N, C-alpha and C. Protein backbone atom coordinates (compact mmCIF):
# COMPACT_ATOMS: atom_id res chain seq x y z
N MET A 1 92.40 18.68 77.13
CA MET A 1 93.78 18.22 77.22
C MET A 1 94.24 17.56 75.92
N PHE A 2 93.35 16.75 75.33
CA PHE A 2 93.70 16.04 74.11
C PHE A 2 92.88 16.61 72.95
N PRO A 3 93.50 16.89 71.82
CA PRO A 3 92.77 17.45 70.68
C PRO A 3 91.77 16.45 70.12
N SER A 4 90.74 16.99 69.48
CA SER A 4 89.64 16.13 69.04
C SER A 4 90.05 15.11 67.99
N PHE A 5 91.11 15.40 67.22
CA PHE A 5 91.44 14.48 66.12
C PHE A 5 92.00 13.16 66.61
N VAL A 6 92.37 13.03 67.88
CA VAL A 6 92.91 11.76 68.37
C VAL A 6 91.81 10.87 68.92
N ARG A 7 90.58 11.35 68.92
CA ARG A 7 89.49 10.55 69.48
C ARG A 7 89.07 9.45 68.51
N PRO A 8 88.52 8.34 69.06
CA PRO A 8 88.06 7.25 68.19
C PRO A 8 86.92 7.71 67.29
N THR A 9 86.77 7.05 66.15
CA THR A 9 85.64 7.30 65.27
C THR A 9 84.33 7.00 66.00
N PRO A 10 83.36 7.90 65.99
CA PRO A 10 82.08 7.63 66.66
C PRO A 10 81.44 6.35 66.13
N MET A 11 81.00 5.49 67.03
CA MET A 11 80.45 4.20 66.62
C MET A 11 78.93 4.29 66.50
N THR A 12 78.46 4.60 65.33
CA THR A 12 77.03 4.61 65.05
C THR A 12 76.53 3.18 64.89
N ASP A 13 75.22 3.00 64.92
CA ASP A 13 74.65 1.67 64.72
C ASP A 13 75.05 1.10 63.37
N ARG A 14 74.99 1.92 62.34
CA ARG A 14 75.34 1.44 60.99
C ARG A 14 76.81 1.04 60.92
N LEU A 15 77.68 1.82 61.54
CA LEU A 15 79.09 1.50 61.51
C LEU A 15 79.38 0.24 62.32
N TYR A 16 78.69 0.08 63.44
CA TYR A 16 78.90 -1.13 64.26
C TYR A 16 78.46 -2.38 63.50
N GLU A 17 77.35 -2.30 62.81
CA GLU A 17 76.90 -3.43 62.00
C GLU A 17 77.93 -3.74 60.90
N TYR A 18 78.53 -2.71 60.35
CA TYR A 18 79.57 -2.91 59.33
C TYR A 18 80.78 -3.62 59.94
N VAL A 19 81.19 -3.17 61.12
CA VAL A 19 82.34 -3.79 61.79
C VAL A 19 82.10 -5.28 62.00
N LEU A 20 80.93 -5.63 62.47
CA LEU A 20 80.64 -7.04 62.71
C LEU A 20 80.56 -7.82 61.41
N SER A 21 79.96 -7.21 60.37
CA SER A 21 79.78 -7.93 59.11
C SER A 21 81.11 -8.19 58.41
N ILE A 22 82.07 -7.29 58.59
CA ILE A 22 83.33 -7.40 57.85
C ILE A 22 84.47 -7.96 58.71
N GLY A 23 84.30 -7.90 60.04
CA GLY A 23 85.42 -8.26 60.91
C GLY A 23 85.23 -9.48 61.78
N LEU A 24 84.01 -10.00 61.87
CA LEU A 24 83.74 -11.11 62.79
C LEU A 24 83.63 -12.42 62.02
N ARG A 25 84.59 -13.31 62.23
CA ARG A 25 84.54 -14.66 61.66
C ARG A 25 84.05 -15.60 62.76
N GLU A 26 82.75 -15.63 62.96
CA GLU A 26 82.17 -16.35 64.09
C GLU A 26 81.70 -17.73 63.68
N PRO A 27 82.28 -18.80 64.23
CA PRO A 27 81.79 -20.14 63.94
C PRO A 27 80.33 -20.28 64.34
N GLU A 28 79.63 -21.18 63.68
CA GLU A 28 78.20 -21.34 63.92
C GLU A 28 77.89 -21.66 65.38
N ALA A 29 78.69 -22.52 65.98
CA ALA A 29 78.45 -22.89 67.38
C ALA A 29 78.58 -21.70 68.31
N PHE A 30 79.49 -20.79 67.99
CA PHE A 30 79.68 -19.60 68.81
C PHE A 30 78.46 -18.67 68.69
N GLY A 31 77.96 -18.54 67.46
CA GLY A 31 76.80 -17.70 67.24
C GLY A 31 75.57 -18.23 67.96
N LYS A 32 75.41 -19.55 68.00
CA LYS A 32 74.26 -20.13 68.68
C LYS A 32 74.33 -19.86 70.18
N LEU A 33 75.52 -19.93 70.76
CA LEU A 33 75.66 -19.59 72.18
C LEU A 33 75.32 -18.12 72.41
N ARG A 34 75.82 -17.26 71.56
CA ARG A 34 75.56 -15.82 71.73
C ARG A 34 74.06 -15.53 71.62
N GLU A 35 73.41 -16.20 70.68
CA GLU A 35 71.97 -15.98 70.51
C GLU A 35 71.18 -16.50 71.71
N GLU A 36 71.55 -17.67 72.23
CA GLU A 36 70.85 -18.20 73.40
C GLU A 36 71.05 -17.28 74.61
N THR A 37 72.26 -16.80 74.78
CA THR A 37 72.55 -15.92 75.91
C THR A 37 71.79 -14.61 75.79
N GLY A 38 71.65 -14.11 74.57
CA GLY A 38 70.95 -12.86 74.36
C GLY A 38 69.49 -12.91 74.76
N LYS A 39 68.93 -14.10 74.89
CA LYS A 39 67.53 -14.25 75.29
C LYS A 39 67.36 -14.26 76.81
N LEU A 40 68.47 -14.36 77.54
CA LEU A 40 68.40 -14.34 78.99
C LEU A 40 68.17 -12.93 79.51
N ALA A 41 67.60 -12.82 80.68
CA ALA A 41 67.40 -11.51 81.29
C ALA A 41 68.73 -10.81 81.52
N GLU A 42 69.77 -11.60 81.76
CA GLU A 42 71.11 -11.06 82.01
C GLU A 42 71.97 -11.07 80.76
N GLY A 43 71.35 -11.16 79.59
CA GLY A 43 72.10 -11.29 78.34
C GLY A 43 73.11 -10.19 78.10
N GLU A 44 72.88 -9.00 78.65
CA GLU A 44 73.81 -7.89 78.45
C GLU A 44 75.15 -8.12 79.16
N TRP A 45 75.22 -9.13 80.02
CA TRP A 45 76.50 -9.45 80.67
C TRP A 45 77.50 -10.06 79.70
N GLN A 46 77.02 -10.60 78.60
CA GLN A 46 77.90 -11.25 77.62
C GLN A 46 78.83 -10.22 76.99
N ILE A 47 80.07 -10.62 76.75
CA ILE A 47 80.99 -9.71 76.09
C ILE A 47 80.49 -9.39 74.68
N ALA A 48 80.93 -8.27 74.14
CA ALA A 48 80.55 -7.89 72.78
C ALA A 48 81.15 -8.89 71.78
N PRO A 49 80.47 -9.13 70.67
CA PRO A 49 80.97 -10.11 69.70
C PRO A 49 82.40 -9.85 69.24
N GLU A 50 82.75 -8.59 69.03
CA GLU A 50 84.09 -8.29 68.53
C GLU A 50 85.18 -8.51 69.57
N GLN A 51 84.81 -8.61 70.84
CA GLN A 51 85.82 -8.86 71.86
C GLN A 51 86.34 -10.29 71.82
N GLY A 52 85.48 -11.23 71.44
CA GLY A 52 85.88 -12.63 71.44
C GLY A 52 87.11 -12.91 70.59
N PRO A 53 87.08 -12.58 69.29
CA PRO A 53 88.25 -12.84 68.46
C PRO A 53 89.46 -12.00 68.87
N PHE A 54 89.22 -10.83 69.45
CA PHE A 54 90.35 -10.02 69.91
C PHE A 54 91.08 -10.71 71.06
N LEU A 55 90.33 -11.22 72.03
CA LEU A 55 90.95 -11.94 73.14
C LEU A 55 91.64 -13.20 72.64
N ALA A 56 91.00 -13.89 71.71
CA ALA A 56 91.61 -15.10 71.16
C ALA A 56 92.91 -14.78 70.45
N LEU A 57 92.94 -13.66 69.72
CA LEU A 57 94.16 -13.28 69.02
C LEU A 57 95.28 -12.97 70.00
N LEU A 58 94.96 -12.30 71.10
CA LEU A 58 95.97 -12.02 72.11
C LEU A 58 96.56 -13.32 72.66
N VAL A 59 95.70 -14.28 72.93
CA VAL A 59 96.15 -15.57 73.44
C VAL A 59 97.04 -16.28 72.42
N GLN A 60 96.63 -16.21 71.16
CA GLN A 60 97.45 -16.80 70.09
C GLN A 60 98.81 -16.13 69.99
N LEU A 61 98.84 -14.81 70.01
CA LEU A 61 100.10 -14.08 69.88
C LEU A 61 101.06 -14.41 71.02
N MET A 62 100.50 -14.65 72.19
CA MET A 62 101.33 -14.99 73.35
C MET A 62 101.82 -16.43 73.32
N GLY A 63 101.18 -17.25 72.51
CA GLY A 63 101.48 -18.69 72.56
C GLY A 63 101.04 -19.28 73.89
N ALA A 64 99.95 -18.74 74.44
CA ALA A 64 99.50 -19.15 75.77
C ALA A 64 99.01 -20.59 75.78
N LYS A 65 99.28 -21.27 76.88
CA LYS A 65 98.80 -22.63 77.08
C LYS A 65 97.91 -22.76 78.31
N LYS A 66 98.15 -21.92 79.30
CA LYS A 66 97.41 -22.02 80.56
C LYS A 66 96.72 -20.69 80.82
N CYS A 67 95.40 -20.70 80.78
CA CYS A 67 94.61 -19.46 80.86
C CYS A 67 93.60 -19.54 81.99
N LEU A 68 93.17 -18.38 82.43
CA LEU A 68 92.26 -18.25 83.56
C LEU A 68 91.16 -17.27 83.21
N GLU A 69 89.95 -17.57 83.64
CA GLU A 69 88.83 -16.67 83.41
C GLU A 69 88.04 -16.53 84.71
N ILE A 70 87.82 -15.29 85.11
CA ILE A 70 87.05 -15.01 86.33
C ILE A 70 85.73 -14.39 85.91
N GLY A 71 84.67 -15.18 86.01
CA GLY A 71 83.37 -14.75 85.54
C GLY A 71 83.14 -15.23 84.12
N THR A 72 82.81 -16.50 83.97
CA THR A 72 82.65 -17.10 82.64
C THR A 72 81.26 -16.86 82.07
N PHE A 73 80.27 -16.66 82.93
CA PHE A 73 78.87 -16.50 82.52
C PHE A 73 78.49 -17.70 81.64
N THR A 74 77.99 -17.52 80.45
CA THR A 74 77.56 -18.64 79.61
C THR A 74 78.64 -19.11 78.64
N GLY A 75 79.82 -18.50 78.70
CA GLY A 75 80.96 -19.10 78.03
C GLY A 75 81.39 -18.55 76.69
N TYR A 76 80.87 -17.39 76.26
CA TYR A 76 81.25 -16.90 74.93
C TYR A 76 82.74 -16.57 74.85
N SER A 77 83.26 -15.86 75.82
CA SER A 77 84.70 -15.56 75.81
C SER A 77 85.51 -16.83 75.98
N ALA A 78 85.01 -17.75 76.79
CA ALA A 78 85.73 -19.02 77.00
C ALA A 78 85.84 -19.81 75.71
N MET A 79 84.78 -19.81 74.90
CA MET A 79 84.82 -20.54 73.63
C MET A 79 85.90 -19.98 72.72
N TRP A 80 85.98 -18.67 72.64
CA TRP A 80 86.98 -18.06 71.77
C TRP A 80 88.40 -18.39 72.24
N VAL A 81 88.64 -18.28 73.53
CA VAL A 81 89.99 -18.56 74.04
C VAL A 81 90.33 -20.04 73.89
N ALA A 82 89.41 -20.91 74.26
CA ALA A 82 89.67 -22.35 74.14
C ALA A 82 89.92 -22.76 72.70
N SER A 83 89.28 -22.07 71.77
CA SER A 83 89.40 -22.45 70.36
C SER A 83 90.81 -22.25 69.81
N VAL A 84 91.62 -21.42 70.45
CA VAL A 84 92.96 -21.16 69.93
C VAL A 84 94.05 -21.77 70.81
N LEU A 85 93.66 -22.48 71.87
CA LEU A 85 94.66 -23.13 72.71
C LEU A 85 95.19 -24.38 72.00
N PRO A 86 96.44 -24.73 72.23
CA PRO A 86 96.99 -25.96 71.65
C PRO A 86 96.34 -27.18 72.30
N PRO A 87 96.56 -28.36 71.74
CA PRO A 87 95.91 -29.57 72.29
C PRO A 87 96.17 -29.78 73.77
N ASP A 88 97.34 -29.36 74.25
CA ASP A 88 97.65 -29.53 75.67
C ASP A 88 97.34 -28.28 76.49
N GLY A 89 96.62 -27.33 75.91
CA GLY A 89 96.27 -26.11 76.61
C GLY A 89 95.09 -26.31 77.55
N LYS A 90 94.95 -25.41 78.52
CA LYS A 90 93.87 -25.50 79.49
C LYS A 90 93.38 -24.11 79.88
N LEU A 91 92.07 -23.96 79.94
CA LEU A 91 91.43 -22.75 80.42
C LEU A 91 90.67 -23.08 81.69
N VAL A 92 91.03 -22.43 82.79
CA VAL A 92 90.34 -22.62 84.06
C VAL A 92 89.28 -21.53 84.19
N CYS A 93 88.03 -21.92 84.31
CA CYS A 93 86.91 -20.98 84.37
C CYS A 93 86.34 -20.94 85.77
N CYS A 94 86.39 -19.78 86.39
CA CYS A 94 85.81 -19.56 87.72
C CYS A 94 84.44 -18.92 87.54
N GLU A 95 83.40 -19.65 87.88
CA GLU A 95 82.02 -19.17 87.70
C GLU A 95 81.20 -19.51 88.93
N LEU A 96 80.48 -18.54 89.43
CA LEU A 96 79.67 -18.74 90.63
C LEU A 96 78.43 -19.56 90.36
N SER A 97 77.80 -19.36 89.20
CA SER A 97 76.50 -19.96 88.90
C SER A 97 76.63 -21.29 88.17
N GLY A 98 76.10 -22.33 88.79
CA GLY A 98 76.08 -23.63 88.12
C GLY A 98 75.18 -23.62 86.89
N ALA A 99 74.12 -22.81 86.92
CA ALA A 99 73.20 -22.75 85.78
C ALA A 99 73.88 -22.13 84.57
N TYR A 100 74.61 -21.04 84.77
CA TYR A 100 75.33 -20.42 83.66
C TYR A 100 76.43 -21.35 83.16
N ALA A 101 77.13 -21.98 84.10
CA ALA A 101 78.21 -22.91 83.70
C ALA A 101 77.67 -24.06 82.87
N ALA A 102 76.47 -24.52 83.19
CA ALA A 102 75.87 -25.62 82.42
C ALA A 102 75.62 -25.22 80.97
N ILE A 103 75.18 -23.97 80.77
CA ILE A 103 75.00 -23.49 79.40
C ILE A 103 76.34 -23.46 78.68
N ALA A 104 77.36 -22.95 79.35
CA ALA A 104 78.69 -22.90 78.76
C ALA A 104 79.19 -24.30 78.42
N GLN A 105 79.03 -25.23 79.33
CA GLN A 105 79.51 -26.60 79.11
C GLN A 105 78.80 -27.25 77.93
N LYS A 106 77.51 -26.98 77.80
CA LYS A 106 76.73 -27.54 76.69
C LYS A 106 77.29 -27.08 75.35
N HIS A 107 77.53 -25.79 75.23
CA HIS A 107 78.00 -25.25 73.95
C HIS A 107 79.47 -25.57 73.71
N LEU A 108 80.26 -25.62 74.74
CA LEU A 108 81.66 -26.03 74.58
C LEU A 108 81.75 -27.47 74.10
N THR A 109 80.84 -28.31 74.57
CA THR A 109 80.81 -29.71 74.13
C THR A 109 80.45 -29.80 72.65
N VAL A 110 79.45 -29.04 72.24
CA VAL A 110 79.04 -29.03 70.83
C VAL A 110 80.20 -28.57 69.95
N ALA A 111 80.96 -27.59 70.43
CA ALA A 111 82.08 -27.05 69.67
C ALA A 111 83.34 -27.90 69.79
N ASP A 112 83.25 -29.02 70.51
CA ASP A 112 84.39 -29.94 70.71
C ASP A 112 85.56 -29.23 71.41
N LEU A 113 85.23 -28.39 72.38
CA LEU A 113 86.25 -27.65 73.12
C LEU A 113 86.25 -27.97 74.61
N ILE A 114 85.33 -28.79 75.05
CA ILE A 114 85.13 -29.00 76.48
C ILE A 114 86.36 -29.60 77.15
N ASP A 115 87.14 -30.40 76.43
CA ASP A 115 88.31 -31.04 77.04
C ASP A 115 89.41 -30.04 77.41
N LYS A 116 89.33 -28.84 76.86
CA LYS A 116 90.34 -27.83 77.15
C LYS A 116 89.94 -26.92 78.31
N VAL A 117 88.74 -27.14 78.85
CA VAL A 117 88.20 -26.21 79.85
C VAL A 117 87.92 -26.94 81.16
N GLU A 118 88.36 -26.32 82.24
CA GLU A 118 88.09 -26.82 83.59
C GLU A 118 87.25 -25.79 84.33
N PHE A 119 86.09 -26.22 84.83
CA PHE A 119 85.20 -25.32 85.55
C PHE A 119 85.39 -25.46 87.05
N ARG A 120 85.41 -24.31 87.72
CA ARG A 120 85.40 -24.27 89.19
C ARG A 120 84.19 -23.47 89.60
N ILE A 121 83.16 -24.16 90.09
CA ILE A 121 81.88 -23.54 90.43
C ILE A 121 81.91 -23.18 91.91
N ALA A 122 82.21 -21.92 92.19
CA ALA A 122 82.35 -21.44 93.56
C ALA A 122 82.57 -19.93 93.49
N PRO A 123 82.48 -19.23 94.61
CA PRO A 123 82.87 -17.82 94.59
C PRO A 123 84.29 -17.68 94.06
N ALA A 124 84.52 -16.71 93.20
CA ALA A 124 85.83 -16.58 92.55
C ALA A 124 86.94 -16.38 93.57
N SER A 125 86.65 -15.65 94.64
CA SER A 125 87.69 -15.44 95.66
C SER A 125 88.18 -16.77 96.22
N GLN A 126 87.26 -17.71 96.41
CA GLN A 126 87.62 -19.03 96.91
C GLN A 126 88.41 -19.81 95.86
N SER A 127 87.95 -19.78 94.63
CA SER A 127 88.64 -20.52 93.56
C SER A 127 90.06 -20.01 93.37
N LEU A 128 90.24 -18.69 93.42
CA LEU A 128 91.58 -18.11 93.25
C LEU A 128 92.47 -18.46 94.43
N ALA A 129 91.91 -18.43 95.63
CA ALA A 129 92.69 -18.82 96.81
C ALA A 129 93.12 -20.28 96.72
N ASP A 130 92.21 -21.13 96.23
CA ASP A 130 92.54 -22.55 96.07
C ASP A 130 93.66 -22.73 95.05
N LEU A 131 93.61 -22.00 93.96
CA LEU A 131 94.67 -22.11 92.96
C LEU A 131 96.02 -21.69 93.55
N LEU A 132 96.02 -20.63 94.32
CA LEU A 132 97.28 -20.16 94.92
C LEU A 132 97.81 -21.15 95.94
N SER A 133 96.92 -21.77 96.69
CA SER A 133 97.35 -22.69 97.75
C SER A 133 97.78 -24.04 97.22
N THR A 134 97.48 -24.31 95.96
CA THR A 134 97.84 -25.61 95.37
C THR A 134 98.94 -25.50 94.31
N GLY A 135 99.75 -24.43 94.41
CA GLY A 135 100.96 -24.36 93.60
C GLY A 135 100.83 -23.76 92.23
N HIS A 136 99.77 -22.98 91.97
CA HIS A 136 99.58 -22.41 90.63
C HIS A 136 100.09 -20.98 90.49
N ALA A 137 100.68 -20.44 91.54
CA ALA A 137 101.19 -19.06 91.46
C ALA A 137 102.24 -18.95 90.36
N GLY A 138 102.12 -17.90 89.55
CA GLY A 138 103.10 -17.64 88.50
C GLY A 138 103.09 -18.62 87.35
N THR A 139 101.98 -19.34 87.16
CA THR A 139 101.96 -20.38 86.12
C THR A 139 101.01 -20.08 84.97
N PHE A 140 100.15 -19.08 85.10
CA PHE A 140 99.18 -18.78 84.04
C PHE A 140 99.78 -17.77 83.05
N ASP A 141 99.46 -17.97 81.80
CA ASP A 141 99.91 -17.06 80.75
C ASP A 141 98.97 -15.87 80.57
N TYR A 142 97.70 -16.09 80.89
CA TYR A 142 96.65 -15.11 80.56
C TYR A 142 95.52 -15.24 81.56
N ALA A 143 94.93 -14.10 81.93
CA ALA A 143 93.74 -14.09 82.79
C ALA A 143 92.78 -13.03 82.30
N PHE A 144 91.50 -13.35 82.38
CA PHE A 144 90.43 -12.43 81.96
C PHE A 144 89.49 -12.22 83.13
N ILE A 145 89.27 -10.97 83.51
CA ILE A 145 88.41 -10.63 84.64
C ILE A 145 87.12 -10.00 84.11
N ASP A 146 85.99 -10.64 84.41
CA ASP A 146 84.69 -10.12 83.99
C ASP A 146 83.63 -10.66 84.95
N ALA A 147 83.70 -10.22 86.20
CA ALA A 147 82.81 -10.74 87.23
C ALA A 147 82.26 -9.58 88.05
N ASP A 148 81.89 -9.82 89.31
CA ASP A 148 81.31 -8.78 90.14
C ASP A 148 82.29 -7.63 90.32
N LYS A 149 81.83 -6.44 90.00
CA LYS A 149 82.73 -5.29 89.88
C LYS A 149 83.31 -4.85 91.22
N GLY A 150 82.55 -5.06 92.29
CA GLY A 150 83.04 -4.65 93.59
C GLY A 150 84.28 -5.38 94.04
N ALA A 151 84.52 -6.56 93.47
CA ALA A 151 85.69 -7.36 93.85
C ALA A 151 86.81 -7.28 92.80
N TYR A 152 86.70 -6.35 91.87
CA TYR A 152 87.72 -6.27 90.80
C TYR A 152 89.13 -6.11 91.35
N ASN A 153 89.30 -5.29 92.35
CA ASN A 153 90.65 -5.08 92.88
C ASN A 153 91.22 -6.38 93.44
N LEU A 154 90.40 -7.13 94.18
CA LEU A 154 90.84 -8.42 94.70
C LEU A 154 91.22 -9.36 93.57
N TYR A 155 90.38 -9.44 92.54
CA TYR A 155 90.67 -10.34 91.43
C TYR A 155 91.94 -9.93 90.71
N TYR A 156 92.14 -8.64 90.55
CA TYR A 156 93.36 -8.15 89.90
C TYR A 156 94.60 -8.55 90.70
N GLU A 157 94.56 -8.37 92.00
CA GLU A 157 95.71 -8.72 92.83
C GLU A 157 95.99 -10.21 92.80
N ARG A 158 94.94 -11.02 92.85
CA ARG A 158 95.14 -12.47 92.80
C ARG A 158 95.69 -12.88 91.43
N CYS A 159 95.21 -12.24 90.37
CA CYS A 159 95.72 -12.56 89.04
C CYS A 159 97.19 -12.19 88.91
N LEU A 160 97.59 -11.09 89.51
CA LEU A 160 99.00 -10.73 89.49
C LEU A 160 99.87 -11.81 90.14
N GLU A 161 99.32 -12.47 91.12
CA GLU A 161 100.04 -13.58 91.75
C GLU A 161 100.04 -14.82 90.87
N LEU A 162 98.97 -15.02 90.15
CA LEU A 162 98.80 -16.27 89.40
C LEU A 162 99.46 -16.24 88.02
N VAL A 163 99.55 -15.08 87.37
CA VAL A 163 100.16 -15.05 86.04
C VAL A 163 101.68 -14.94 86.17
N ARG A 164 102.35 -15.43 85.17
CA ARG A 164 103.82 -15.37 85.12
C ARG A 164 104.28 -13.98 84.70
N PRO A 165 105.54 -13.65 84.94
CA PRO A 165 106.08 -12.43 84.34
C PRO A 165 105.94 -12.51 82.81
N GLY A 166 105.43 -11.45 82.21
CA GLY A 166 105.12 -11.47 80.78
C GLY A 166 103.73 -11.98 80.50
N GLY A 167 103.01 -12.37 81.55
CA GLY A 167 101.63 -12.81 81.39
C GLY A 167 100.68 -11.62 81.30
N LEU A 168 99.53 -11.85 80.69
CA LEU A 168 98.58 -10.78 80.41
C LEU A 168 97.32 -10.91 81.25
N ILE A 169 96.89 -9.79 81.83
CA ILE A 169 95.60 -9.71 82.52
C ILE A 169 94.71 -8.77 81.72
N ALA A 170 93.56 -9.26 81.28
CA ALA A 170 92.57 -8.45 80.56
C ALA A 170 91.38 -8.22 81.49
N ILE A 171 90.94 -6.96 81.60
CA ILE A 171 89.88 -6.60 82.52
C ILE A 171 88.75 -5.93 81.73
N ASP A 172 87.56 -6.52 81.81
CA ASP A 172 86.43 -6.02 81.04
C ASP A 172 85.63 -4.98 81.83
N ASN A 173 84.86 -4.18 81.09
CA ASN A 173 83.92 -3.20 81.65
C ASN A 173 84.59 -2.04 82.38
N THR A 174 85.80 -1.69 81.99
CA THR A 174 86.49 -0.61 82.69
C THR A 174 86.01 0.78 82.26
N LEU A 175 85.19 0.86 81.22
CA LEU A 175 84.49 2.11 80.93
C LEU A 175 83.16 2.19 81.68
N TRP A 176 82.55 1.04 81.92
CA TRP A 176 81.33 0.92 82.74
C TRP A 176 80.29 1.96 82.34
N ASP A 177 79.99 1.96 81.05
CA ASP A 177 78.98 2.85 80.49
C ASP A 177 79.31 4.32 80.74
N GLY A 178 80.60 4.63 80.86
CA GLY A 178 81.04 6.01 81.03
C GLY A 178 80.95 6.54 82.45
N LYS A 179 80.43 5.77 83.38
CA LYS A 179 80.19 6.27 84.72
C LYS A 179 81.46 6.60 85.52
N PRO A 180 82.58 5.88 85.34
CA PRO A 180 83.77 6.26 86.11
C PRO A 180 84.27 7.68 85.82
N ALA A 181 83.95 8.21 84.64
CA ALA A 181 84.39 9.56 84.28
C ALA A 181 83.48 10.64 84.85
N ASP A 182 82.37 10.26 85.46
CA ASP A 182 81.41 11.21 86.01
C ASP A 182 81.50 11.18 87.53
N ALA A 183 82.11 12.19 88.12
CA ALA A 183 82.35 12.21 89.56
C ALA A 183 81.06 12.20 90.38
N SER A 184 79.94 12.55 89.75
CA SER A 184 78.68 12.57 90.48
C SER A 184 78.09 11.18 90.66
N VAL A 185 78.62 10.18 89.94
CA VAL A 185 78.12 8.81 90.05
C VAL A 185 78.92 8.09 91.13
N THR A 186 78.25 7.65 92.19
CA THR A 186 78.98 7.11 93.34
C THR A 186 78.43 5.77 93.82
N ASP A 187 77.76 5.01 92.95
CA ASP A 187 77.36 3.67 93.36
C ASP A 187 78.60 2.81 93.56
N LEU A 188 78.47 1.71 94.30
CA LEU A 188 79.63 0.93 94.72
C LEU A 188 80.39 0.32 93.54
N ASP A 189 79.66 -0.17 92.55
CA ASP A 189 80.35 -0.76 91.39
C ASP A 189 81.18 0.28 90.65
N THR A 190 80.59 1.46 90.44
CA THR A 190 81.33 2.51 89.75
C THR A 190 82.53 2.96 90.56
N LEU A 191 82.37 3.10 91.86
CA LEU A 191 83.50 3.48 92.71
C LEU A 191 84.63 2.45 92.62
N ALA A 192 84.26 1.17 92.57
CA ALA A 192 85.27 0.11 92.51
C ALA A 192 86.04 0.17 91.19
N ILE A 193 85.33 0.36 90.09
CA ILE A 193 85.99 0.41 88.79
C ILE A 193 86.83 1.67 88.66
N ARG A 194 86.28 2.79 89.12
CA ARG A 194 87.03 4.05 89.08
C ARG A 194 88.33 3.92 89.87
N ALA A 195 88.26 3.32 91.05
CA ALA A 195 89.44 3.16 91.89
C ALA A 195 90.48 2.25 91.23
N LEU A 196 90.01 1.17 90.61
CA LEU A 196 90.95 0.27 89.96
C LEU A 196 91.58 0.93 88.74
N ASN A 197 90.79 1.66 87.97
CA ASN A 197 91.35 2.37 86.82
C ASN A 197 92.48 3.31 87.26
N GLU A 198 92.23 4.04 88.33
CA GLU A 198 93.25 4.98 88.82
C GLU A 198 94.46 4.23 89.35
N LYS A 199 94.22 3.11 90.02
CA LYS A 199 95.32 2.30 90.55
C LYS A 199 96.18 1.75 89.41
N LEU A 200 95.53 1.24 88.38
CA LEU A 200 96.25 0.67 87.25
C LEU A 200 97.11 1.72 86.56
N HIS A 201 96.60 2.93 86.47
CA HIS A 201 97.35 4.00 85.81
C HIS A 201 98.71 4.22 86.45
N GLY A 202 98.80 4.02 87.75
CA GLY A 202 100.06 4.24 88.44
C GLY A 202 100.77 2.98 88.88
N ASP A 203 100.32 1.82 88.41
CA ASP A 203 100.88 0.55 88.88
C ASP A 203 102.12 0.16 88.08
N SER A 204 103.28 0.30 88.67
CA SER A 204 104.54 0.01 87.97
C SER A 204 104.80 -1.48 87.80
N ARG A 205 103.93 -2.32 88.38
CA ARG A 205 104.10 -3.77 88.24
C ARG A 205 103.68 -4.26 86.85
N VAL A 206 102.98 -3.40 86.10
CA VAL A 206 102.45 -3.83 84.81
C VAL A 206 102.70 -2.77 83.74
N SER A 207 102.72 -3.22 82.50
CA SER A 207 102.60 -2.32 81.35
C SER A 207 101.12 -2.24 81.01
N LEU A 208 100.65 -1.05 80.62
CA LEU A 208 99.21 -0.79 80.59
C LEU A 208 98.73 -0.31 79.22
N SER A 209 97.56 -0.83 78.83
CA SER A 209 96.83 -0.30 77.67
C SER A 209 95.35 -0.32 78.01
N PHE A 210 94.72 0.85 77.93
CA PHE A 210 93.29 1.00 78.22
C PHE A 210 92.59 1.26 76.89
N LEU A 211 91.78 0.31 76.45
CA LEU A 211 91.14 0.39 75.15
C LEU A 211 89.66 0.75 75.28
N PRO A 212 89.18 1.74 74.51
CA PRO A 212 87.75 2.06 74.51
C PRO A 212 86.99 1.09 73.61
N LEU A 213 87.18 -0.19 73.85
CA LEU A 213 86.56 -1.26 73.07
C LEU A 213 85.34 -1.77 73.82
N ALA A 214 84.20 -1.80 73.15
CA ALA A 214 82.95 -2.23 73.79
C ALA A 214 82.73 -1.38 75.04
N ASP A 215 82.67 -2.00 76.22
CA ASP A 215 82.46 -1.26 77.47
C ASP A 215 83.77 -0.99 78.20
N GLY A 216 84.85 -0.98 77.45
CA GLY A 216 86.16 -0.73 78.03
C GLY A 216 86.90 -2.02 78.32
N LEU A 217 88.10 -2.14 77.80
CA LEU A 217 88.93 -3.32 78.03
C LEU A 217 90.34 -2.86 78.38
N THR A 218 90.77 -3.18 79.58
CA THR A 218 92.11 -2.81 80.03
C THR A 218 93.03 -4.02 79.95
N LEU A 219 94.21 -3.81 79.38
CA LEU A 219 95.22 -4.86 79.27
C LEU A 219 96.40 -4.49 80.16
N ALA A 220 96.76 -5.41 81.04
CA ALA A 220 97.88 -5.21 81.95
C ALA A 220 98.85 -6.36 81.81
N LEU A 221 100.07 -6.05 81.32
CA LEU A 221 101.10 -7.07 81.11
C LEU A 221 102.02 -7.07 82.33
N LYS A 222 102.09 -8.20 83.00
CA LYS A 222 102.89 -8.28 84.22
C LYS A 222 104.38 -8.19 83.90
N ARG A 223 105.07 -7.29 84.56
CA ARG A 223 106.50 -7.10 84.32
C ARG A 223 107.33 -8.12 85.10
């Protein structure tokens, strides 16, 4: 359907190392968090290094003050977003694991960013319901979804309620290692992401951009 010349440049290992060496301005504290996380058994859950400054730039361009994150893990994306918030800005982090949140809090404190971040340690569905029931609907400028894939549709719908018109929802892992494009792959996580991708394509409530960045990053701007 699409000619080959419109495809992205193939990302070889050498080219990826070049991208990071020339494009990533990573503060030392951020690098230490990334390195510590990489030693965990679940280290692959961390966003790619190049995603951090990209998300931060989006937040800066929006002039966002109130941000939301669903699935903070050890806090690499949170550090980048918090680093560009104004002094009165706030990032609400919904994280299920107290152990992962503790790692994030430790590094956010070292980076002098902890005062901009509020942690809610509970199932994300509960945290989002609590935010909606306490008057936060339509008040967030930005939301980032990077949690359990089976609940992505729920998180997307709750974020649509929580962000303001003109607010941005960023959804990670929408390429999911290429599995949504393979109809023979039918595990529950892949089915959930495939269904959400198809839903987003036809969702008139948002303006859409699907980026083949890292493991796939979808941007949905609430109309």
